[in-house]
């Protein structure tokens, strides 16, 4: 995907972050100087994968938290959020890659056990997972982009349809221009398919 990102989306004079939120969240940094040596791509952690797994576990026949309806009814549980963030994957150096072999229901259950959140309502679990995904996306962007370097985010993938997830990201990146890849005439739900083609 990174090669396609570079060829299709690079633009002279604008640093771009192509943020894709699928099951796993990842992004490509495209420098405005078009220097391919400075292109950077990495997975950052969970996007929708644990939230989707939780919905499927409690609501057979449902596949995701549509419009963040479940998460919006809950409250963030600070101890659970801290336990979710404690995995060594997040401390590791970029670039890195990961998948549902780590971020799955077992990951959530372990974090709930560590944080004594075993009786937490599903709504609070979902609200906390939503914030967890957002926080790790923001953390990765802030750690990899040079301080005071301007950039624009272009989002794609299923996670862009989760309004609370997008709000939680934007809230922490105030002043950063934020668009979907539709602004670049690429359907955000088909962006990775376009790149692979």
Protein backbone atom coordinates (compact mmCIF):
# COMPACT_ATOMS: atom_id res chain seq x y z
CA UNK A 1 0.00 0.00 0.00
CA UNK A 2 2.81 2.44 0.78
CA UNK A 3 4.08 2.37 -2.81
CA UNK A 4 0.59 3.12 -4.10
CA UNK A 5 0.15 5.89 -1.54
CA UNK A 6 3.36 7.52 -2.76
CA UNK A 7 2.47 7.26 -6.44
CA UNK A 8 -1.19 8.24 -6.18
CA UNK A 9 -1.38 10.72 -3.32
CA UNK A 10 1.91 12.62 -3.01
CA UNK A 11 1.66 16.36 -3.60
CA UNK A 12 4.47 18.87 -3.70
CA UNK A 13 4.20 21.41 -0.91
CA UNK A 14 1.85 19.43 1.35
CA UNK A 15 2.88 16.89 3.97
CA UNK A 16 0.16 14.27 4.00
CA UNK A 17 -0.82 11.51 6.40
CA UNK A 18 -2.90 8.86 4.67
CA UNK A 19 -4.71 7.37 7.68
CA UNK A 20 -6.49 4.08 7.03
CA UNK A 21 -8.67 2.69 9.82
CA UNK A 22 -9.69 -0.87 9.10
CA UNK A 23 -9.49 -3.69 11.62
CA UNK A 24 -5.98 -2.40 12.26
CA UNK A 25 -5.13 1.30 11.97
CA UNK A 26 -2.18 2.31 9.82
CA UNK A 27 -0.88 5.38 8.07
CA UNK A 28 1.59 6.50 5.46
CA UNK A 29 3.44 9.82 5.79
CA UNK A 30 4.01 11.52 2.41
CA UNK A 31 6.49 14.41 2.56
CA UNK A 32 5.71 17.59 0.69
CA UNK A 33 9.24 17.60 -0.75
CA UNK A 34 8.37 14.33 -2.60
CA UNK A 35 11.56 12.69 -1.32
CA UNK A 36 10.77 8.95 -1.37
CA UNK A 37 13.46 8.37 1.28
CA UNK A 38 11.27 10.26 3.77
CA UNK A 39 8.09 8.29 3.08
CA UNK A 40 7.02 6.45 6.21
CA UNK A 41 4.38 3.78 6.73
CA UNK A 42 3.38 1.80 9.82
CA UNK A 43 0.62 0.00 11.64
CA UNK A 44 -0.25 1.78 14.87
CA UNK A 45 -2.58 -0.62 16.67
CA UNK A 46 -6.25 -1.53 16.67
CA UNK A 47 -8.76 0.30 14.56
CA UNK A 48 -12.09 -1.50 14.59
CA UNK A 49 -10.97 -5.05 15.32
CA UNK A 50 -11.69 -5.33 19.07
CA UNK A 51 -14.80 -3.14 18.91
CA UNK A 52 -16.19 -5.29 16.10
CA UNK A 53 -15.37 -8.51 17.97
CA UNK A 54 -17.20 -7.24 21.07
CA UNK A 55 -20.30 -6.29 19.07
CA UNK A 56 -20.31 -9.70 17.38
CA UNK A 57 -19.98 -11.43 20.75
CA UNK A 58 -22.94 -9.66 22.35
CA UNK A 59 -25.19 -9.08 19.33
CA UNK A 60 -25.11 -12.11 16.98
CA UNK A 61 -25.87 -10.93 13.45
CA UNK A 62 -24.41 -7.46 14.07
CA UNK A 63 -20.91 -6.79 12.85
CA UNK A 64 -19.95 -3.34 14.14
CA UNK A 65 -21.04 -0.50 16.43
CA UNK A 66 -23.12 1.39 13.90
CA UNK A 67 -22.80 5.17 14.35
CA UNK A 68 -21.02 4.44 17.66
CA UNK A 69 -24.48 3.91 19.19
CA UNK A 70 -23.19 1.56 21.91
CA UNK A 71 -20.03 3.54 22.70
CA UNK A 72 -21.94 6.82 23.02
CA UNK A 73 -24.05 5.32 25.82
CA UNK A 74 -20.97 4.45 27.87
CA UNK A 75 -18.23 6.17 29.85
CA UNK A 76 -14.49 5.76 29.49
CA UNK A 77 -13.01 3.58 32.26
CA UNK A 78 -9.56 5.08 33.04
CA UNK A 79 -8.05 1.93 34.56
CA UNK A 80 -9.17 -0.24 31.66
CA UNK A 81 -7.88 2.33 29.19
CA UNK A 82 -4.50 2.27 30.92
CA UNK A 83 -4.37 -1.53 30.84
CA UNK A 84 -5.24 -1.59 27.13
CA UNK A 85 -2.36 0.80 26.42
CA UNK A 86 0.19 -1.15 28.48
CA UNK A 87 1.18 -3.74 25.86
CA UNK A 88 4.85 -3.67 24.77
CA UNK A 89 3.74 -3.35 21.13
CA UNK A 90 3.06 0.34 21.70
CA UNK A 91 6.51 0.99 23.19
CA UNK A 92 8.22 -0.63 20.21
CA UNK A 93 9.98 1.38 17.54
CA UNK A 94 8.30 2.30 14.28
CA UNK A 95 7.85 0.91 11.68
CA UNK A 96 5.87 -2.09 12.87
CA UNK A 97 3.02 -4.34 11.84
CA UNK A 98 0.35 -6.22 13.78
CA UNK A 99 -3.04 -7.86 13.39
CA UNK A 100 -5.86 -9.61 15.24
CA UNK A 101 -3.43 -12.22 16.52
CA UNK A 102 -2.79 -9.67 19.31
CA UNK A 103 -5.76 -7.32 19.26
CA UNK A 104 -8.76 -9.57 19.90
CA UNK A 105 -11.25 -10.47 22.62
CA UNK A 106 -8.54 -12.18 24.69
CA UNK A 107 -6.63 -8.89 24.71
CA UNK A 108 -9.70 -7.07 26.05
CA UNK A 109 -10.44 -9.78 28.65
CA UNK A 110 -6.85 -9.68 29.93
CA UNK A 111 -6.95 -5.88 30.25
CA UNK A 112 -10.29 -6.08 32.08
CA UNK A 113 -8.84 -8.59 34.51
CA UNK A 114 -5.74 -6.45 35.16
CA UNK A 115 -7.87 -3.34 35.74
CA UNK A 116 -10.52 -5.09 37.87
CA UNK A 117 -13.15 -4.12 35.31
CA UNK A 118 -14.72 -7.57 34.99
CA UNK A 119 -18.26 -6.33 35.66
CA UNK A 120 -18.01 -3.25 33.44
CA UNK A 121 -21.12 -2.65 31.31
CA UNK A 122 -20.69 -3.34 27.61
CA UNK A 123 -21.37 0.33 26.83
CA UNK A 124 -18.41 1.39 29.00
CA UNK A 125 -16.21 -1.29 27.43
CA UNK A 126 -17.07 0.03 23.97
CA UNK A 127 -16.54 3.68 24.92
CA UNK A 128 -13.13 2.76 26.36
CA UNK A 129 -12.15 0.69 23.31
CA UNK A 130 -13.17 3.56 21.05
CA UNK A 131 -10.95 5.97 22.96
CA UNK A 132 -8.15 3.40 23.02
CA UNK A 133 -8.07 3.14 19.22
CA UNK A 134 -8.17 6.92 18.86
CA UNK A 135 -5.44 7.53 21.44
CA UNK A 136 -3.00 5.09 19.86
CA UNK A 137 -3.57 6.58 16.39
CA UNK A 138 -2.92 10.07 17.73
CA UNK A 139 0.10 8.93 19.75
CA UNK A 140 1.70 7.32 16.70
CA UNK A 141 1.14 10.40 14.54
CA UNK A 142 2.55 12.73 17.19
CA UNK A 143 5.58 10.48 17.74
CA UNK A 144 6.47 10.18 14.07
CA UNK A 145 5.80 13.65 12.67
CA UNK A 146 8.41 16.31 13.41
CA UNK A 147 7.33 18.88 15.97
CA UNK A 148 5.71 21.97 14.42
CA UNK A 149 5.73 20.31 10.97
CA UNK A 150 2.42 21.10 9.24
CA UNK A 151 0.50 18.19 7.74
CA UNK A 152 -2.93 17.26 6.46
CA UNK A 153 -4.73 14.01 7.31
CA UNK A 154 -6.70 12.08 4.70
CA UNK A 155 -8.75 9.28 6.22
CA UNK A 156 -10.12 6.09 4.69
CA UNK A 157 -11.42 2.69 5.80
CA UNK A 158 -14.40 1.54 7.82
CA UNK A 159 -13.34 3.44 10.94
CA UNK A 160 -14.05 6.76 9.24
CA UNK A 161 -17.76 5.87 9.53
CA UNK A 162 -17.52 5.66 13.33
CA UNK A 163 -18.33 9.27 14.31
CA UNK A 164 -17.14 8.96 17.91
CA UNK A 165 -13.80 7.49 16.82
CA UNK A 166 -13.26 10.38 14.41
CA UNK A 167 -14.29 12.90 17.10
CA UNK A 168 -11.84 11.33 19.58
CA UNK A 169 -9.03 11.68 17.03
CA UNK A 170 -9.86 15.24 15.94
CA UNK A 171 -10.23 16.39 19.55
CA UNK A 172 -6.54 15.61 20.13
CA UNK A 173 -5.29 17.01 16.83
CA UNK A 174 -6.90 20.44 16.92
CA UNK A 175 -6.01 22.69 14.01
CA UNK A 176 -4.93 19.81 11.76
CA UNK A 177 -6.79 19.77 8.41
CA UNK A 178 -8.78 16.55 8.21
CA UNK A 179 -10.43 15.15 5.07
CA UNK A 180 -11.47 11.81 3.63
CA UNK A 181 -9.71 10.57 0.49
CA UNK A 182 -12.89 11.56 -1.36
CA UNK A 183 -11.33 15.04 -1.40
CA UNK A 184 -8.62 13.45 -3.58
CA UNK A 185 -11.24 11.74 -5.77
CA UNK A 186 -10.64 8.27 -4.32
CA UNK A 187 -13.57 6.51 -2.61
CA UNK A 188 -12.37 6.10 1.00
CA UNK A 189 -14.09 2.70 1.28
CA UNK A 190 -12.11 1.43 -1.71
CA UNK A 191 -8.77 3.14 -1.16
CA UNK A 192 -6.71 0.03 -0.35
CA UNK A 193 -8.32 -1.88 -3.22
CA UNK A 194 -7.36 0.96 -5.58
CA UNK A 195 -3.76 0.91 -4.33
CA UNK A 196 -3.46 -2.86 -4.70
CA UNK A 197 -4.90 -2.70 -8.23
